[in-house]
Amino acid sequence: MTTMQVNAELYRAMGEIADDKVLMEKVLAFVKSLIQKQKKARKNDDDKRLDAALAKFSSDWGGDGTPLEVADELRQGVVNNRTVEEW
């Protein structure tokens, strides 16, 4: 099913319950819960990818901690001594 077909089906189904306030509130609550679950799933996926990427290089950096700890140590060790002259 295409996105447009899914949207059309959703609106048809919503039209059937549009006059029932209780059902509409339940649908709204369910949709909001789906959005929250999707956000959490994306964050977990991003965290897993970051951990995997850092794990590949943490042993090369000579760190004894977790990959995230090694990355934090590297970030803290960076110093910007650059000066910007005004024109």
N, C-alpha and C. Protein backbone atom coordinates (compact mmCIF):
# COMPACT_ATOMS: atom_id res chain seq x y z
N MET A 1 0.84 -1.17 0.00
CA MET A 1 0.00 0.00 0.00
C MET A 1 0.89 1.24 0.00
N THR A 2 0.56 2.22 -0.82
CA THR A 2 1.34 3.45 -0.86
C THR A 2 0.95 4.36 0.30
N THR A 3 1.77 5.37 0.53
CA THR A 3 1.48 6.32 1.61
C THR A 3 0.14 7.02 1.38
N MET A 4 -0.12 7.37 0.14
CA MET A 4 -1.40 8.05 -0.16
C MET A 4 -2.59 7.13 0.11
N GLN A 5 -2.43 5.86 -0.20
CA GLN A 5 -3.51 4.91 0.05
C GLN A 5 -3.73 4.73 1.56
N VAL A 6 -2.64 4.68 2.30
CA VAL A 6 -2.76 4.54 3.76
C VAL A 6 -3.43 5.78 4.33
N ASN A 7 -3.04 6.96 3.86
CA ASN A 7 -3.68 8.20 4.34
C ASN A 7 -5.17 8.20 4.04
N ALA A 8 -5.53 7.80 2.83
CA ALA A 8 -6.95 7.77 2.44
C ALA A 8 -7.72 6.80 3.32
N GLU A 9 -7.15 5.63 3.57
CA GLU A 9 -7.81 4.63 4.42
C GLU A 9 -7.95 5.15 5.84
N LEU A 10 -6.92 5.82 6.34
CA LEU A 10 -6.98 6.39 7.68
C LEU A 10 -8.10 7.41 7.79
N TYR A 11 -8.20 8.30 6.81
CA TYR A 11 -9.25 9.32 6.86
C TYR A 11 -10.64 8.71 6.72
N ARG A 12 -10.76 7.66 5.92
CA ARG A 12 -12.06 6.98 5.82
C ARG A 12 -12.46 6.39 7.18
N ALA A 13 -11.51 5.74 7.82
CA ALA A 13 -11.79 5.12 9.12
C ALA A 13 -12.10 6.20 10.16
N MET A 14 -11.36 7.30 10.11
CA MET A 14 -11.60 8.39 11.07
C MET A 14 -12.98 9.01 10.84
N GLY A 15 -13.40 9.06 9.59
CA GLY A 15 -14.72 9.62 9.28
C GLY A 15 -15.84 8.82 9.91
N GLU A 16 -15.64 7.52 10.03
CA GLU A 16 -16.68 6.67 10.62
C GLU A 16 -16.84 6.92 12.12
N ILE A 17 -15.79 7.38 12.79
CA ILE A 17 -15.88 7.60 14.23
C ILE A 17 -15.80 9.08 14.61
N ALA A 18 -15.86 9.96 13.61
CA ALA A 18 -15.66 11.39 13.84
C ALA A 18 -16.67 11.99 14.82
N ASP A 19 -17.85 11.42 14.90
CA ASP A 19 -18.88 11.96 15.79
C ASP A 19 -18.77 11.42 17.21
N ASP A 20 -17.90 10.45 17.44
CA ASP A 20 -17.76 9.85 18.76
C ASP A 20 -16.52 10.43 19.45
N LYS A 21 -16.75 11.33 20.40
CA LYS A 21 -15.64 12.02 21.07
C LYS A 21 -14.72 11.05 21.80
N VAL A 22 -15.27 10.05 22.46
CA VAL A 22 -14.46 9.10 23.23
C VAL A 22 -13.52 8.33 22.30
N LEU A 23 -14.05 7.83 21.20
CA LEU A 23 -13.22 7.09 20.25
C LEU A 23 -12.15 7.98 19.64
N MET A 24 -12.49 9.22 19.32
CA MET A 24 -11.51 10.15 18.74
C MET A 24 -10.39 10.44 19.74
N GLU A 25 -10.72 10.57 21.02
CA GLU A 25 -9.70 10.79 22.04
C GLU A 25 -8.78 9.57 22.16
N LYS A 26 -9.37 8.38 22.06
CA LYS A 26 -8.55 7.16 22.11
C LYS A 26 -7.61 7.08 20.92
N VAL A 27 -8.11 7.43 19.74
CA VAL A 27 -7.27 7.41 18.54
C VAL A 27 -6.13 8.42 18.69
N LEU A 28 -6.44 9.60 19.17
CA LEU A 28 -5.42 10.63 19.36
C LEU A 28 -4.36 10.17 20.35
N ALA A 29 -4.79 9.59 21.46
CA ALA A 29 -3.84 9.10 22.46
C ALA A 29 -2.96 8.00 21.87
N PHE A 30 -3.55 7.12 21.07
CA PHE A 30 -2.79 6.04 20.46
C PHE A 30 -1.75 6.58 19.48
N VAL A 31 -2.16 7.54 18.66
CA VAL A 31 -1.23 8.13 17.69
C VAL A 31 -0.07 8.81 18.42
N LYS A 32 -0.36 9.53 19.49
CA LYS A 32 0.70 10.18 20.26
C LYS A 32 1.64 9.14 20.86
N SER A 33 1.10 8.01 21.32
CA SER A 33 1.96 6.97 21.89
C SER A 33 2.85 6.36 20.81
N LEU A 34 2.33 6.22 19.60
CA LEU A 34 3.15 5.70 18.49
C LEU A 34 4.31 6.64 18.19
N ILE A 35 4.05 7.93 18.23
CA ILE A 35 5.10 8.92 17.96
C ILE A 35 6.19 8.82 19.01
N GLN A 36 5.82 8.71 20.27
CA GLN A 36 6.81 8.59 21.34
C GLN A 36 7.64 7.31 21.21
N LYS A 37 6.98 6.21 20.88
CA LYS A 37 7.70 4.94 20.70
C LYS A 37 8.69 5.05 19.55
N GLN A 38 8.28 5.71 18.46
CA GLN A 38 9.16 5.87 17.31
C GLN A 38 10.38 6.72 17.66
N LYS A 39 10.17 7.79 18.42
CA LYS A 39 11.28 8.65 18.84
C LYS A 39 12.27 7.87 19.70
N LYS A 40 11.76 7.06 20.63
CA LYS A 40 12.64 6.26 21.49
C LYS A 40 13.40 5.22 20.67
N ALA A 41 12.72 4.60 19.72
CA ALA A 41 13.37 3.59 18.89
C ALA A 41 14.49 4.22 18.06
N ARG A 42 14.25 5.41 17.51
CA ARG A 42 15.28 6.09 16.73
C ARG A 42 16.48 6.44 17.60
N LYS A 43 16.21 6.93 18.81
CA LYS A 43 17.30 7.30 19.71
C LYS A 43 18.13 6.07 20.06
N ASN A 44 17.45 4.96 20.36
CA ASN A 44 18.17 3.71 20.68
C ASN A 44 19.00 3.24 19.49
N ASP A 45 18.46 3.35 18.27
CA ASP A 45 19.21 2.95 17.08
C ASP A 45 20.43 3.84 16.90
N ASP A 46 20.26 5.15 17.11
CA ASP A 46 21.38 6.08 16.98
C ASP A 46 22.45 5.78 18.01
N ASP A 47 22.03 5.49 19.25
CA ASP A 47 22.99 5.16 20.31
C ASP A 47 23.76 3.88 19.97
N LYS A 48 23.07 2.89 19.43
CA LYS A 48 23.72 1.63 19.07
C LYS A 48 24.73 1.85 17.95
N ARG A 49 24.37 2.67 16.96
CA ARG A 49 25.31 2.94 15.86
C ARG A 49 26.53 3.68 16.35
N LEU A 50 26.32 4.65 17.25
CA LEU A 50 27.44 5.40 17.81
C LEU A 50 28.35 4.48 18.60
N ASP A 51 27.77 3.64 19.44
CA ASP A 51 28.57 2.68 20.22
C ASP A 51 29.38 1.76 19.31
N ALA A 52 28.76 1.29 18.24
CA ALA A 52 29.46 0.39 17.33
C ALA A 52 30.61 1.12 16.63
N ALA A 53 30.37 2.35 16.22
CA ALA A 53 31.43 3.11 15.55
C ALA A 53 32.58 3.41 16.51
N LEU A 54 32.25 3.81 17.72
CA LEU A 54 33.29 4.12 18.70
C LEU A 54 34.05 2.87 19.13
N ALA A 55 33.36 1.74 19.20
CA ALA A 55 34.01 0.50 19.62
C ALA A 55 35.10 0.08 18.63
N LYS A 56 34.92 0.44 17.37
CA LYS A 56 35.92 0.08 16.36
C LYS A 56 37.24 0.79 16.60
N PHE A 57 37.17 1.99 17.17
CA PHE A 57 38.38 2.80 17.28
C PHE A 57 38.89 2.99 18.71
N SER A 58 38.10 2.65 19.72
CA SER A 58 38.49 2.95 21.10
C SER A 58 39.78 2.23 21.50
N SER A 59 39.96 1.00 21.05
CA SER A 59 41.18 0.28 21.43
C SER A 59 42.40 0.92 20.76
N ASP A 60 42.24 1.46 19.56
CA ASP A 60 43.34 2.13 18.88
C ASP A 60 43.74 3.42 19.60
N TRP A 61 42.79 4.03 20.29
CA TRP A 61 43.06 5.30 20.99
C TRP A 61 43.73 5.05 22.34
N GLY A 62 43.84 3.81 22.74
CA GLY A 62 44.52 3.49 23.98
C GLY A 62 43.68 3.70 25.22
N GLY A 63 42.39 3.74 25.07
CA GLY A 63 41.52 3.97 26.22
C GLY A 63 41.20 2.69 26.96
N ASP A 64 41.04 2.82 28.26
CA ASP A 64 40.66 1.66 29.07
C ASP A 64 39.17 1.62 29.34
N GLY A 65 38.48 2.74 29.12
CA GLY A 65 37.06 2.82 29.43
C GLY A 65 36.21 2.36 28.26
N THR A 66 34.94 2.65 28.39
CA THR A 66 34.01 2.33 27.31
C THR A 66 34.30 3.25 26.13
N PRO A 67 33.80 2.92 24.97
CA PRO A 67 34.02 3.79 23.82
C PRO A 67 33.54 5.22 24.05
N LEU A 68 32.40 5.38 24.70
CA LEU A 68 31.90 6.74 24.97
C LEU A 68 32.82 7.49 25.93
N GLU A 69 33.36 6.80 26.92
CA GLU A 69 34.29 7.46 27.84
C GLU A 69 35.55 7.90 27.13
N VAL A 70 36.06 7.06 26.23
CA VAL A 70 37.25 7.41 25.46
C VAL A 70 36.96 8.62 24.58
N ALA A 71 35.80 8.62 23.94
CA ALA A 71 35.44 9.75 23.08
C ALA A 71 35.32 11.04 23.89
N ASP A 72 34.74 10.96 25.09
CA ASP A 72 34.63 12.14 25.94
C ASP A 72 36.01 12.66 26.34
N GLU A 73 36.92 11.75 26.65
CA GLU A 73 38.29 12.16 27.00
C GLU A 73 38.96 12.87 25.83
N LEU A 74 38.75 12.34 24.63
CA LEU A 74 39.33 12.98 23.45
C LEU A 74 38.75 14.37 23.23
N ARG A 75 37.43 14.50 23.40
CA ARG A 75 36.80 15.81 23.23
C ARG A 75 37.33 16.82 24.24
N GLN A 76 37.53 16.38 25.48
CA GLN A 76 38.00 17.28 26.52
C GLN A 76 39.45 17.70 26.28
N GLY A 77 40.21 16.88 25.59
CA GLY A 77 41.60 17.18 25.34
C GLY A 77 41.82 18.15 24.19
N VAL A 78 40.78 18.44 23.45
CA VAL A 78 40.92 19.34 22.31
C VAL A 78 40.90 20.78 22.80
N VAL A 79 41.92 21.54 22.41
CA VAL A 79 42.00 22.94 22.80
C VAL A 79 42.07 23.78 21.55
N ASN A 80 41.29 24.82 21.52
CA ASN A 80 41.28 25.72 20.37
C ASN A 80 42.08 26.96 20.73
N ASN A 81 43.29 27.08 20.23
CA ASN A 81 44.15 28.23 20.51
C ASN A 81 44.11 29.25 19.37
N ARG A 82 43.23 29.08 18.48
CA ARG A 82 43.16 29.94 17.31
C ARG A 82 42.63 31.31 17.70
N THR A 83 43.24 32.33 17.20
CA THR A 83 42.76 33.70 17.43
C THR A 83 42.22 34.24 16.12
N VAL A 84 41.21 35.04 16.23
CA VAL A 84 40.59 35.65 15.05
C VAL A 84 40.85 37.13 15.09
N GLU A 85 41.51 37.61 14.08
CA GLU A 85 41.79 39.03 14.01
C GLU A 85 40.57 39.74 13.46
N GLU A 86 40.28 40.89 14.02
CA GLU A 86 39.17 41.67 13.52
C GLU A 86 39.62 42.46 12.31
N TRP A 87 38.77 42.71 11.41
CA TRP A 87 39.09 43.41 10.18
C TRP A 87 39.10 44.89 10.37
